[in-house]
Amino acid sequence: MDDLIRKSDKLAVVAQLAAGVAHEIRNPLTTIKGFLQVFQKEEKYNSFYLNLVMEELERVESIIYEYLTLAKPNFENKFQKIDMVHLVNQLITLTEAQSNMNNVKLDFEYEQVPMIYGLEKQLKQVLINLIRNSIEAIAEKGVITVRIANHPHNQICIQVEDNGCGIPKERIERLGEPFYSTKEKGTGLGLMVCYKIIEHHNGVFNIYSKEGFGTKMEIILPTSVAMETNEALPQ
C-alpha cells in the first residue's frame, strides 16, 4: 500500500509539472501562431510583430531550458574552489548593460571572505537569475546592492537587495513552487532551480521582502574551510 501511495504521489507531481509546462508553452505558441496568420494574410512582415514573435520564441526556449535543468541538473562535475568576490565582479559586468537600460544602479559591497567549494556555472546561473529578477522588480530608477560578507560558523553570506516593488507576505511562502511566479510571464521554474542548486551546495536560500519597499534575497554557503574539516559536505 505504501508503495502504491508513493507511486501515486510521484505521478501526481509529474502530472502537475507536465500540465504546467504544456500551459506555459501553449501561451506563447498561441501568440506566435496569431502573428504568423497575420503575416500570411497580409503577405508582408511587420518588424514590430516579428520582434514580438522572437521574444515569445525566446520565452519558449527559456521554459524548456529551465525545465530540463530542473529535471536533470548538471551536477556531475566535481566541486572546485571558487573566489566568490571575483565571480560576482564578473556577473556585475555581465548584467550592467541590462541594468543601465532599465535605469538601475548596481552596487557591490564586499568583505574579504574565504573561498568556497562549488560549481561555478551553477552559482553564476543562480546569481544572474536573482540580479535580473531584481532589475525587473524596479519600475523606475532604482538601486540593486549585491553584498558578500563573512557569516558565523565558517560560512559566507551573499545578498541581492533591491528597492523595487516588493512581494506581498502571502506570496513569499509560495516562491520556489513550480509555475508560481510574481511576474506576469514568469514560470517559477527559475527560482525553483536556484533553490535546488543552493541545496546541492549545502547552502541556505532565504527571501525577505516588504511590499512597496523592496526585496532581499540571501544565500548562505559553507566556506572551503568548513568543507575541508567536514563541517559541511556537498550533497
Foldseek 3Di string as FASTA:
>chain_A
DVVVVVVVVVVVVVVVQVVLLCVLLVVLVVLLVVQVVVCVVVVHDDVVSVVSNVVSVVLNVVSVVLVVCVVDNPPPDFWDWDQVVVLVVVLCVVCVVVLVVQQEAEAEEEDRAFTATADSVLVSLLVNVVQVVQSVQANHHWYWYWYWYDDPPQKIKIKIKIQGQWDDPVLQVVQLPAQDDPDPSDGSSSRVSSCVRLVQQVKDWDKDTDGNGIIMIMIMGHHNVCCVVVVDHGD
